[in-house]
């Protein structure tokens, strides 16, 4: 149950980030005019897709409670870094973002840190 909850936390977190970025891309740049800023934020906040991202974030938090009931925080917290790796890998096909050499090196360092961090 603890491992499934860890995976759920990561998946739900990644989902939320990808959906919010997708919808921000759809909405366009944050307005320069102060009079348009609140409208922009309200439209995004109540966008049905963004609402699902908020729900995913809440569910990720609830799953995290389950995770913490099974594992030591210092042992399981490094696994959340897998969300960085997953976002990079999925942002290319879903958002058209480039995977550059520096990003790949960064992700490899995150993975190396995860491997080192979970050694007992």
Protein backbone atom coordinates (compact mmCIF):
# COMPACT_ATOMS: atom_id res chain seq x y z
CA UNK A 1 0.00 0.00 0.00
CA UNK A 2 2.83 2.40 0.80
CA UNK A 3 4.51 1.89 -2.57
CA UNK A 4 1.25 2.36 -4.46
CA UNK A 5 0.57 5.55 -2.52
CA UNK A 6 4.08 6.80 -3.36
CA UNK A 7 3.46 6.14 -7.05
CA UNK A 8 0.06 7.83 -6.82
CA UNK A 9 1.62 10.90 -5.21
CA UNK A 10 4.11 11.20 -8.06
CA UNK A 11 1.58 10.53 -10.83
CA UNK A 12 -0.96 12.98 -9.44
CA UNK A 13 1.71 15.65 -8.94
CA UNK A 14 2.96 15.26 -12.50
CA UNK A 15 -0.58 15.32 -13.87
CA UNK A 16 -1.28 18.58 -12.06
CA UNK A 17 1.88 20.26 -13.34
CA UNK A 18 1.34 19.20 -16.94
CA UNK A 19 -2.32 20.23 -16.98
CA UNK A 20 -1.66 23.62 -15.41
CA UNK A 21 1.14 24.36 -17.88
CA UNK A 22 -1.05 23.24 -20.79
CA UNK A 23 -3.87 25.53 -19.69
CA UNK A 24 -1.52 28.46 -19.01
CA UNK A 25 -0.18 27.99 -22.54
CA UNK A 26 -3.77 28.10 -23.81
CA UNK A 27 -4.53 31.26 -21.82
CA UNK A 28 -1.46 33.10 -23.08
CA UNK A 29 0.99 35.33 -21.29
CA UNK A 30 0.18 36.95 -17.98
CA UNK A 31 -1.21 40.40 -18.86
CA UNK A 32 0.83 43.54 -18.35
CA UNK A 33 -2.22 45.65 -17.65
CA UNK A 34 -3.22 45.55 -14.00
CA UNK A 35 -6.90 45.68 -14.95
CA UNK A 36 -6.62 42.38 -16.89
CA UNK A 37 -4.60 40.40 -14.35
CA UNK A 38 -7.41 39.46 -12.00
CA UNK A 39 -9.61 38.32 -14.89
CA UNK A 40 -6.77 36.18 -16.25
CA UNK A 41 -6.22 34.51 -12.88
CA UNK A 42 -9.92 33.95 -12.24
CA UNK A 43 -10.41 32.39 -15.71
CA UNK A 44 -7.51 30.02 -15.07
CA UNK A 45 -8.55 29.21 -11.52
CA UNK A 46 -12.05 28.16 -12.56
CA UNK A 47 -11.00 26.44 -15.78
CA UNK A 48 -12.32 22.85 -15.55
CA UNK A 49 -8.93 21.38 -16.46
CA UNK A 50 -7.17 23.48 -13.82
CA UNK A 51 -9.78 22.38 -11.30
CA UNK A 52 -8.84 18.75 -12.04
CA UNK A 53 -5.21 19.69 -11.40
CA UNK A 54 -6.21 21.19 -8.04
CA UNK A 55 -8.11 17.99 -7.25
CA UNK A 56 -5.07 15.92 -8.26
CA UNK A 57 -2.91 18.02 -5.94
CA UNK A 58 -5.30 17.43 -3.06
CA UNK A 59 -5.41 13.68 -3.78
CA UNK A 60 -1.61 13.63 -3.97
CA UNK A 61 -1.55 15.19 -0.51
CA UNK A 62 -3.91 12.53 0.82
CA UNK A 63 -1.83 9.77 -0.77
CA UNK A 64 1.23 11.33 0.87
CA UNK A 65 -0.42 10.84 4.28
CA UNK A 66 -0.62 7.13 3.50
CA UNK A 67 3.01 7.10 2.36
CA UNK A 68 4.16 8.76 5.59
CA UNK A 69 2.25 6.21 7.64
CA UNK A 70 4.36 3.45 6.04
CA UNK A 71 7.85 4.92 5.64
CA UNK A 72 10.33 7.24 7.27
CA UNK A 73 10.22 10.70 5.69
CA UNK A 74 13.97 10.73 5.04
CA UNK A 75 13.67 7.42 3.19
CA UNK A 76 10.70 8.18 0.96
CA UNK A 77 10.98 11.93 0.31
CA UNK A 78 13.78 11.55 -2.26
CA UNK A 79 11.40 9.52 -4.44
CA UNK A 80 9.37 12.67 -5.07
CA UNK A 81 12.29 13.81 -7.23
CA UNK A 82 11.02 11.28 -9.78
CA UNK A 83 8.34 13.85 -10.57
CA UNK A 84 11.10 16.08 -12.02
CA UNK A 85 12.23 13.26 -14.28
CA UNK A 86 8.68 12.40 -15.34
CA UNK A 87 7.73 16.01 -16.04
CA UNK A 88 10.78 16.41 -18.27
CA UNK A 89 10.02 13.23 -20.19
CA UNK A 90 6.32 14.04 -20.64
CA UNK A 91 6.62 17.77 -21.29
CA UNK A 92 8.33 17.05 -24.62
CA UNK A 93 5.54 15.00 -26.25
CA UNK A 94 2.60 16.72 -24.52
CA UNK A 95 3.76 20.35 -24.41
CA UNK A 96 6.35 20.44 -27.18
CA UNK A 97 9.10 21.48 -24.79
CA UNK A 98 12.65 20.61 -25.84
CA UNK A 99 14.73 18.03 -24.03
CA UNK A 100 18.15 19.63 -24.05
CA UNK A 101 21.50 18.20 -23.07
CA UNK A 102 21.68 20.30 -19.85
CA UNK A 103 18.21 19.07 -18.85
CA UNK A 104 19.26 15.46 -19.44
CA UNK A 105 22.39 15.98 -17.32
CA UNK A 106 20.24 17.54 -14.59
CA UNK A 107 17.83 14.62 -14.60
CA UNK A 108 20.70 12.15 -14.50
CA UNK A 109 22.09 14.00 -11.47
CA UNK A 110 18.67 13.83 -9.80
CA UNK A 111 18.54 10.08 -10.44
CA UNK A 112 22.10 9.66 -9.14
CA UNK A 113 21.13 11.63 -6.05
CA UNK A 114 18.11 9.40 -5.55
CA UNK A 115 20.27 6.29 -5.80
CA UNK A 116 22.81 7.67 -3.33
CA UNK A 117 20.12 9.05 -1.02
CA UNK A 118 18.25 5.79 -0.58
CA UNK A 119 21.30 3.67 0.20
CA UNK A 120 21.14 2.31 3.73
